[in-house]
Every structure is written in C-alpha cells, then in structure tokens.
Amino acid sequence: MNVSQAVVKRILELCNERNLSINALSIISGITQSTVNDIVNGTTYNTGIATIKKLCDGLEISIREFFDSDLFSDLEQEVK
C-alpha cells in the first residue's frame, strides 16, 4: 500500500468510527466536498498536510492521532 491509499483508508476508517458521511466530514472540516471526494476516490494522489490538518481539526484529533495507525507501518517505498 502506498501513502495515498493509506490516507484514504484512514479517512474512511475515521468516518466509519464516527458515523460520518464524506459530506459531513467536508462540512465540519471546512473543505469542499469535491476536494474530499477527490481524495477518497483517489483522484488526488498527494493530499497536502494542511488539508489533512483541516480534516483532523474537523474530526477533533491531532495529526499524530491521524497517522497513529497500522495503515502507515509498512508503506511501499515511494522513491525507486
């Protein structure tokens, strides 16, 4: 799994834990729904840290908590 796929899975995991739709996440995060959809659908491959921070703010978690997941433990090498 690469980092983009892990970010998508983590967003979906957090939404599922909180019973939030992608639309609800976009509203509480102040990010347009199209941007969140692009991230989740894999259209955007390099989600910026500022965007992830806004998502975390909406979810009321820290960036550390976002990345504190086994999903980020064994990522593929990005530079080959």
PDB file of N, CA and C in Angstrom:
ATOM      1  N   MET A   1       0.858  -1.167   0.000  1.00  0.00           N
ATOM      2  CA  MET A   1       0.000   0.000   0.000  1.00  0.00           C
ATOM      3  C   MET A   1       0.909   1.236   0.000  1.00  0.00           C
ATOM      4  N   ASN A   2       0.516   2.235  -0.759  1.00  0.00           N
ATOM      5  CA  ASN A   2       1.280   3.488  -0.749  1.00  0.00           C
ATOM      6  C   ASN A   2       0.625   4.483   0.202  1.00  0.00           C
ATOM      7  N   VAL A   3       1.292   5.605   0.405  1.00  0.00           N
ATOM      8  CA  VAL A   3       0.811   6.577   1.397  1.00  0.00           C
ATOM      9  C   VAL A   3      -0.557   7.146   1.022  1.00  0.00           C
ATOM     10  N   SER A   4      -0.808   7.378  -0.263  1.00  0.00           N
ATOM     11  CA  SER A   4      -2.115   7.912  -0.685  1.00  0.00           C
ATOM     12  C   SER A   4      -3.238   6.945  -0.345  1.00  0.00           C
ATOM     13  N   GLN A   5      -3.006   5.676  -0.589  1.00  0.00           N
ATOM     14  CA  GLN A   5      -4.019   4.660  -0.271  1.00  0.00           C
ATOM     15  C   GLN A   5      -4.241   4.570   1.237  1.00  0.00           C
ATOM     16  N   ALA A   6      -3.164   4.684   2.008  1.00  0.00           N
ATOM     17  CA  ALA A   6      -3.282   4.632   3.465  1.00  0.00           C
ATOM     18  C   ALA A   6      -4.075   5.828   3.990  1.00  0.00           C
ATOM     19  N   VAL A   7      -3.843   7.009   3.414  1.00  0.00           N
ATOM     20  CA  VAL A   7      -4.586   8.210   3.831  1.00  0.00           C
ATOM     21  C   VAL A   7      -6.075   8.019   3.557  1.00  0.00           C
ATOM     22  N   VAL A   8      -6.409   7.510   2.388  1.00  0.00           N
ATOM     23  CA  VAL A   8      -7.815   7.265   2.045  1.00  0.00           C
ATOM     24  C   VAL A   8      -8.437   6.282   3.029  1.00  0.00           C
ATOM     25  N   LYS A   9      -7.760   5.175   3.273  1.00  0.00           N
ATOM     26  CA  LYS A   9      -8.299   4.172   4.194  1.00  0.00           C
ATOM     27  C   LYS A   9      -8.477   4.747   5.595  1.00  0.00           C
ATOM     28  N   ARG A  10      -7.531   5.577   6.013  1.00  0.00           N
ATOM     29  CA  ARG A  10      -7.624   6.168   7.355  1.00  0.00           C
ATOM     30  C   ARG A  10      -8.789   7.141   7.448  1.00  0.00           C
ATOM     31  N   ILE A  11      -8.990   7.943   6.419  1.00  0.00           N
ATOM     32  CA  ILE A  11     -10.136   8.864   6.407  1.00  0.00           C
ATOM     33  C   ILE A  11     -11.439   8.079   6.486  1.00  0.00           C
ATOM     34  N   LEU A  12     -11.558   7.051   5.678  1.00  0.00           N
ATOM     35  CA  LEU A  12     -12.784   6.241   5.682  1.00  0.00           C
ATOM     36  C   LEU A  12     -12.971   5.534   7.020  1.00  0.00           C
ATOM     37  N   GLU A  13     -11.882   5.050   7.593  1.00  0.00           N
ATOM     38  CA  GLU A  13     -11.939   4.392   8.899  1.00  0.00           C
ATOM     39  C   GLU A  13     -12.446   5.358   9.971  1.00  0.00           C
ATOM     40  N   LEU A  14     -11.914   6.563   9.992  1.00  0.00           N
ATOM     41  CA  LEU A  14     -12.324   7.556  10.984  1.00  0.00           C
ATOM     42  C   LEU A  14     -13.773   7.995  10.783  1.00  0.00           C
ATOM     43  N   CYS A  15     -14.181   8.142   9.529  1.00  0.00           N
ATOM     44  CA  CYS A  15     -15.585   8.496   9.256  1.00  0.00           C
ATOM     45  C   CYS A  15     -16.511   7.377   9.714  1.00  0.00           C
ATOM     46  N   ASN A  16     -16.120   6.148   9.437  1.00  0.00           N
ATOM     47  CA  ASN A  16     -16.930   4.996   9.827  1.00  0.00           C
ATOM     48  C   ASN A  16     -17.060   4.911  11.348  1.00  0.00           C
ATOM     49  N   GLU A  17     -15.955   5.133  12.070  1.00  0.00           N
ATOM     50  CA  GLU A  17     -15.986   5.101  13.534  1.00  0.00           C
ATOM     51  C   GLU A  17     -16.936   6.141  14.108  1.00  0.00           C
ATOM     52  N   ARG A  18     -17.070   7.271  13.409  1.00  0.00           N
ATOM     53  CA  ARG A  18     -17.880   8.383  13.896  1.00  0.00           C
ATOM     54  C   ARG A  18     -19.238   8.483  13.202  1.00  0.00           C
ATOM     55  N   ASN A  19     -19.537   7.513  12.358  1.00  0.00           N
ATOM     56  CA  ASN A  19     -20.781   7.514  11.582  1.00  0.00           C
ATOM     57  C   ASN A  19     -20.951   8.809  10.795  1.00  0.00           C
ATOM     58  N   LEU A  20     -19.865   9.248  10.158  1.00  0.00           N
ATOM     59  CA  LEU A  20     -19.883  10.469   9.357  1.00  0.00           C
ATOM     60  C   LEU A  20     -19.853  10.125   7.875  1.00  0.00           C
ATOM     61  N   SER A  21     -20.619  10.846   7.108  1.00  0.00           N
ATOM     62  CA  SER A  21     -20.528  10.737   5.658  1.00  0.00           C
ATOM     63  C   SER A  21     -19.392  11.631   5.182  1.00  0.00           C
ATOM     64  N   ILE A  22     -18.987  11.452   3.948  1.00  0.00           N
ATOM     65  CA  ILE A  22     -17.965  12.314   3.359  1.00  0.00           C
ATOM     66  C   ILE A  22     -18.470  13.760   3.330  1.00  0.00           C
ATOM     67  N   ASN A  23     -19.740  13.937   3.048  1.00  0.00           N
ATOM     68  CA  ASN A  23     -20.329  15.275   3.056  1.00  0.00           C
ATOM     69  C   ASN A  23     -20.225  15.910   4.440  1.00  0.00           C
ATOM     70  N   ALA A  24     -20.560  15.150   5.472  1.00  0.00           N
ATOM     71  CA  ALA A  24     -20.476  15.667   6.842  1.00  0.00           C
ATOM     72  C   ALA A  24     -19.033  16.013   7.200  1.00  0.00           C
ATOM     73  N   LEU A  25     -18.098  15.172   6.789  1.00  0.00           N
ATOM     74  CA  LEU A  25     -16.690  15.448   7.051  1.00  0.00           C
ATOM     75  C   LEU A  25     -16.256  16.746   6.381  1.00  0.00           C
ATOM     76  N   SER A  26     -16.688  16.939   5.157  1.00  0.00           N
ATOM     77  CA  SER A  26     -16.306  18.166   4.451  1.00  0.00           C
ATOM     78  C   SER A  26     -16.873  19.403   5.163  1.00  0.00           C
ATOM     79  N   ILE A  27     -18.079  19.309   5.663  1.00  0.00           N
ATOM     80  CA  ILE A  27     -18.712  20.436   6.354  1.00  0.00           C
ATOM     81  C   ILE A  27     -17.970  20.770   7.646  1.00  0.00           C
ATOM     82  N   ILE A  28     -17.694  19.759   8.475  1.00  0.00           N
ATOM     83  CA  ILE A  28     -17.050  20.036   9.764  1.00  0.00           C
ATOM     84  C   ILE A  28     -15.580  20.417   9.611  1.00  0.00           C
ATOM     85  N   SER A  29     -14.993  20.069   8.463  1.00  0.00           N
ATOM     86  CA  SER A  29     -13.579  20.373   8.219  1.00  0.00           C
ATOM     87  C   SER A  29     -13.375  21.678   7.464  1.00  0.00           C
ATOM     88  N   GLY A  30     -14.432  22.185   6.864  1.00  0.00           N
ATOM     89  CA  GLY A  30     -14.308  23.401   6.076  1.00  0.00           C
ATOM     90  C   GLY A  30     -13.594  23.178   4.753  1.00  0.00           C
ATOM     91  N   ILE A  31     -13.649  21.958   4.271  1.00  0.00           N
ATOM     92  CA  ILE A  31     -13.044  21.598   2.982  1.00  0.00           C
ATOM     93  C   ILE A  31     -14.183  21.282   2.032  1.00  0.00           C
ATOM     94  N   THR A  32     -14.070  21.720   0.796  1.00  0.00           N
ATOM     95  CA  THR A  32     -15.166  21.457  -0.138  1.00  0.00           C
ATOM     96  C   THR A  32     -15.391  19.960  -0.307  1.00  0.00           C
ATOM     97  N   GLN A  33     -16.643  19.604  -0.544  1.00  0.00           N
ATOM     98  CA  GLN A  33     -16.965  18.194  -0.718  1.00  0.00           C
ATOM     99  C   GLN A  33     -16.240  17.620  -1.925  1.00  0.00           C
ATOM    100  N   SER A  34     -16.066  18.417  -2.966  1.00  0.00           N
ATOM    101  CA  SER A  34     -15.371  17.908  -4.153  1.00  0.00           C
ATOM    102  C   SER A  34     -13.918  17.552  -3.829  1.00  0.00           C
ATOM    103  N   THR A  35     -13.278  18.341  -2.965  1.00  0.00           N
ATOM    104  CA  THR A  35     -11.902  18.035  -2.573  1.00  0.00           C
ATOM    105  C   THR A  35     -11.843  16.737  -1.778  1.00  0.00           C
ATOM    106  N   VAL A  36     -12.734  16.581  -0.813  1.00  0.00           N
ATOM    107  CA  VAL A  36     -12.756  15.353  -0.013  1.00  0.00           C
ATOM    108  C   VAL A  36     -13.096  14.163  -0.907  1.00  0.00           C
ATOM    109  N   ASN A  37     -14.039  14.342  -1.835  1.00  0.00           N
ATOM    110  CA  ASN A  37     -14.363  13.266  -2.774  1.00  0.00           C
ATOM    111  C   ASN A  37     -13.157  12.898  -3.618  1.00  0.00           C
ATOM    112  N   ASP A  38     -12.418  13.894  -4.096  1.00  0.00           N
ATOM    113  CA  ASP A  38     -11.221  13.629  -4.904  1.00  0.00           C
ATOM    114  C   ASP A  38     -10.187  12.827  -4.118  1.00  0.00           C
ATOM    115  N   ILE A  39     -10.030  13.154  -2.851  1.00  0.00           N
ATOM    116  CA  ILE A  39      -9.086  12.416  -2.001  1.00  0.00           C
ATOM    117  C   ILE A  39      -9.544  10.969  -1.848  1.00  0.00           C
ATOM    118  N   VAL A  40     -10.801  10.794  -1.455  1.00  0.00           N
ATOM    119  CA  VAL A  40     -11.336   9.463  -1.169  1.00  0.00           C
ATOM    120  C   VAL A  40     -11.440   8.600  -2.429  1.00  0.00           C
ATOM    121  N   ASN A  41     -11.719   9.222  -3.562  1.00  0.00           N
ATOM    122  CA  ASN A  41     -11.836   8.467  -4.810  1.00  0.00           C
ATOM    123  C   ASN A  41     -10.499   8.222  -5.493  1.00  0.00           C
ATOM    124  N   GLY A  42      -9.425   8.751  -4.905  1.00  0.00           N
ATOM    125  CA  GLY A  42      -8.107   8.522  -5.473  1.00  0.00           C
ATOM    126  C   GLY A  42      -7.756   9.429  -6.635  1.00  0.00           C
ATOM    127  N   THR A  43      -8.558  10.454  -6.869  1.00  0.00           N
ATOM    128  CA  THR A  43      -8.268  11.406  -7.940  1.00  0.00           C
ATOM    129  C   THR A  43      -7.089  12.288  -7.558  1.00  0.00           C
ATOM    130  N   THR A  44      -6.994  12.608  -6.262  1.00  0.00           N
ATOM    131  CA  THR A  44      -5.877  13.383  -5.724  1.00  0.00           C
ATOM    132  C   THR A  44      -4.913  12.406  -5.082  1.00  0.00           C
ATOM    133  N   TYR A  45      -3.672  12.388  -5.564  1.00  0.00           N
ATOM    134  CA  TYR A  45      -2.681  11.429  -5.052  1.00  0.00           C
ATOM    135  C   TYR A  45      -1.796  12.007  -3.964  1.00  0.00           C
ATOM    136  N   ASN A  46      -1.646  13.317  -3.927  1.00  0.00           N
ATOM    137  CA  ASN A  46      -0.782  13.948  -2.937  1.00  0.00           C
ATOM    138  C   ASN A  46      -1.586  14.911  -2.077  1.00  0.00           C
ATOM    139  N   THR A  47      -2.272  14.363  -1.109  1.00  0.00           N
ATOM    140  CA  THR A  47      -3.039  15.202  -0.195  1.00  0.00           C
ATOM    141  C   THR A  47      -2.067  15.968   0.678  1.00  0.00           C
ATOM    142  N   GLY A  48      -2.177  17.269   0.677  1.00  0.00           N
ATOM    143  CA  GLY A  48      -1.262  18.110   1.441  1.00  0.00           C
ATOM    144  C   GLY A  48      -1.488  17.993   2.936  1.00  0.00           C
ATOM    145  N   ILE A  49      -0.448  18.264   3.692  1.00  0.00           N
ATOM    146  CA  ILE A  49      -0.529  18.174   5.138  1.00  0.00           C
ATOM    147  C   ILE A  49      -1.500  19.208   5.701  1.00  0.00           C
ATOM    148  N   ALA A  50      -1.625  20.363   5.043  1.00  0.00           N
ATOM    149  CA  ALA A  50      -2.579  21.369   5.502  1.00  0.00           C
ATOM    150  C   ALA A  50      -4.010  20.857   5.369  1.00  0.00           C
ATOM    151  N   THR A  51      -4.287  20.122   4.307  1.00  0.00           N
ATOM    152  CA  THR A  51      -5.617  19.531   4.122  1.00  0.00           C
ATOM    153  C   THR A  51      -5.868  18.452   5.160  1.00  0.00           C
ATOM    154  N   ILE A  52      -4.875  17.612   5.401  1.00  0.00           N
ATOM    155  CA  ILE A  52      -5.022  16.577   6.424  1.00  0.00           C
ATOM    156  C   ILE A  52      -5.240  17.227   7.791  1.00  0.00           C
ATOM    157  N   LYS A  53      -4.542  18.322   8.066  1.00  0.00           N
ATOM    158  CA  LYS A  53      -4.723  19.044   9.342  1.00  0.00           C
ATOM    159  C   LYS A  53      -6.148  19.563   9.479  1.00  0.00           C
ATOM    160  N   LYS A  54      -6.723  20.092   8.406  1.00  0.00           N
ATOM    161  CA  LYS A  54      -8.116  20.566   8.451  1.00  0.00           C
ATOM    162  C   LYS A  54      -9.069  19.408   8.708  1.00  0.00           C
ATOM    163  N   LEU A  55      -8.816  18.262   8.076  1.00  0.00           N
ATOM    164  CA  LEU A  55      -9.647  17.081   8.318  1.00  0.00           C
ATOM    165  C   LEU A  55      -9.538  16.670   9.790  1.00  0.00           C
ATOM    166  N   CYS A  56      -8.325  16.681  10.311  1.00  0.00           N
ATOM    167  CA  CYS A  56      -8.115  16.342  11.719  1.00  0.00           C
ATOM    168  C   CYS A  56      -8.840  17.316  12.638  1.00  0.00           C
ATOM    169  N   ASP A  57      -8.773  18.609  12.308  1.00  0.00           N
ATOM    170  CA  ASP A  57      -9.486  19.604  13.116  1.00  0.00           C
ATOM    171  C   ASP A  57     -10.979  19.311  13.134  1.00  0.00           C
ATOM    172  N   GLY A  58     -11.528  18.980  11.976  1.00  0.00           N
ATOM    173  CA  GLY A  58     -12.949  18.647  11.898  1.00  0.00           C
ATOM    174  C   GLY A  58     -13.290  17.400  12.689  1.00  0.00           C
ATOM    175  N   LEU A  59     -12.379  16.445  12.698  1.00  0.00           N
ATOM    176  CA  LEU A  59     -12.588  15.194  13.431  1.00  0.00           C
ATOM    177  C   LEU A  59     -12.198  15.322  14.906  1.00  0.00           C
ATOM    178  N   GLU A  60     -11.641  16.486  15.268  1.00  0.00           N
ATOM    179  CA  GLU A  60     -11.192  16.762  16.634  1.00  0.00           C
ATOM    180  C   GLU A  60     -10.124  15.775  17.098  1.00  0.00           C
ATOM    181  N   ILE A  61      -9.153  15.537  16.202  1.00  0.00           N
ATOM    182  CA  ILE A  61      -7.998  14.703  16.530  1.00  0.00           C
ATOM    183  C   ILE A  61      -6.739  15.448  16.086  1.00  0.00           C
ATOM    184  N   SER A  62      -5.614  15.011  16.597  1.00  0.00           N
ATOM    185  CA  SER A  62      -4.343  15.605  16.192  1.00  0.00           C
ATOM    186  C   SER A  62      -3.816  14.886  14.944  1.00  0.00           C
ATOM    187  N   ILE A  63      -2.880  15.523  14.289  1.00  0.00           N
ATOM    188  CA  ILE A  63      -2.229  14.870  13.151  1.00  0.00           C
ATOM    189  C   ILE A  63      -1.540  13.592  13.620  1.00  0.00           C
ATOM    190  N   ARG A  64      -0.957  13.649  14.795  1.00  0.00           N
ATOM    191  CA  ARG A  64      -0.312  12.455  15.365  1.00  0.00           C
ATOM    192  C   ARG A  64      -1.312  11.306  15.469  1.00  0.00           C
ATOM    193  N   GLU A  65      -2.524  11.601  15.941  1.00  0.00           N
ATOM    194  CA  GLU A  65      -3.555  10.567  16.052  1.00  0.00           C
ATOM    195  C   GLU A  65      -3.956  10.048  14.677  1.00  0.00           C
ATOM    196  N   PHE A  66      -4.004  10.937  13.689  1.00  0.00           N
ATOM    197  CA  PHE A  66      -4.365  10.515  12.334  1.00  0.00           C
ATOM    198  C   PHE A  66      -3.379   9.473  11.827  1.00  0.00           C
ATOM    199  N   PHE A  67      -2.087   9.746  12.002  1.00  0.00           N
ATOM    200  CA  PHE A  67      -1.071   8.842  11.474  1.00  0.00           C
ATOM    201  C   PHE A  67      -0.728   7.696  12.412  1.00  0.00           C
ATOM    202  N   ASP A  68      -1.303   7.677  13.606  1.00  0.00           N
ATOM    203  CA  ASP A  68      -1.074   6.600  14.561  1.00  0.00           C
ATOM    204  C   ASP A  68      -1.996   5.427  14.232  1.00  0.00           C
ATOM    205  N   SER A  69      -1.665   4.772  13.150  1.00  0.00           N
ATOM    206  CA  SER A  69      -2.470   3.653  12.658  1.00  0.00           C
ATOM    207  C   SER A  69      -1.530   2.654  11.989  1.00  0.00           C
ATOM    208  N   ASP A  70      -1.862   1.396  12.110  1.00  0.00           N
ATOM    209  CA  ASP A  70      -1.065   0.353  11.457  1.00  0.00           C
ATOM    210  C   ASP A  70      -1.025   0.525   9.940  1.00  0.00           C
ATOM    211  N   LEU A  71      -1.980   1.267   9.400  1.00  0.00           N
ATOM    212  CA  LEU A  71      -2.000   1.506   7.953  1.00  0.00           C
ATOM    213  C   LEU A  71      -0.700   2.152   7.469  1.00  0.00           C
ATOM    214  N   PHE A  72      -0.047   2.908   8.342  1.00  0.00           N
ATOM    215  CA  PHE A  72       1.154   3.640   7.948  1.00  0.00           C
ATOM    216  C   PHE A  72       2.446   2.915   8.338  1.00  0.00           C
ATOM    217  N   SER A  73       2.328   1.691   8.827  1.00  0.00           N
ATOM    218  CA  SER A  73       3.503   0.959   9.309  1.00  0.00           C
ATOM    219  C   SER A  73       4.377   0.392   8.197  1.00  0.00           C
ATOM    220  N   ASP A  74       3.780  -0.178   7.182  1.00  0.00           N
ATOM    221  CA  ASP A  74       4.543  -0.876   6.146  1.00  0.00           C
ATOM    222  C   ASP A  74       4.234  -0.336   4.766  1.00  0.00           C
ATOM    223  N   LEU A  75       4.441   0.952   4.587  1.00  0.00           N
ATOM    224  CA  LEU A  75       4.148   1.578   3.298  1.00  0.00           C
ATOM    225  C   LEU A  75       5.214   1.219   2.270  1.00  0.00           C
ATOM    226  N   GLU A  76       4.792   1.199   1.015  1.00  0.00           N
ATOM    227  CA  GLU A  76       5.722   0.956  -0.084  1.00  0.00           C
ATOM    228  C   GLU A  76       6.739   2.086  -0.157  1.00  0.00           C
ATOM    229  N   GLN A  77       7.905   1.777  -0.666  1.00  0.00           N
ATOM    230  CA  GLN A  77       8.915   2.798  -0.914  1.00  0.00           C
ATOM    231  C   GLN A  77       8.405   3.721  -2.000  1.00  0.00           C
ATOM    232  N   GLU A  78       8.387   5.014  -1.742  1.00  0.00           N
ATOM    233  CA  GLU A  78       7.872   5.992  -2.709  1.00  0.00           C
ATOM    234  C   GLU A  78       8.923   6.347  -3.765  1.00  0.00           C
ATOM    235  N   VAL A  79      10.187   6.391  -3.366  1.00  0.00           N
ATOM    236  CA  VAL A  79      11.261   6.728  -4.295  1.00  0.00           C
ATOM    237  C   VAL A  79      11.930   5.436  -4.722  1.00  0.00           C
ATOM    238  N   LYS A  80      11.969   5.238  -6.023  1.00  0.00           N
ATOM    239  CA  LYS A  80      12.560   3.994  -6.537  1.00  0.00           C
ATOM    240  C   LYS A  80      13.665   4.278  -7.491  1.00  0.00           C
TER     241      LYS A  80
END
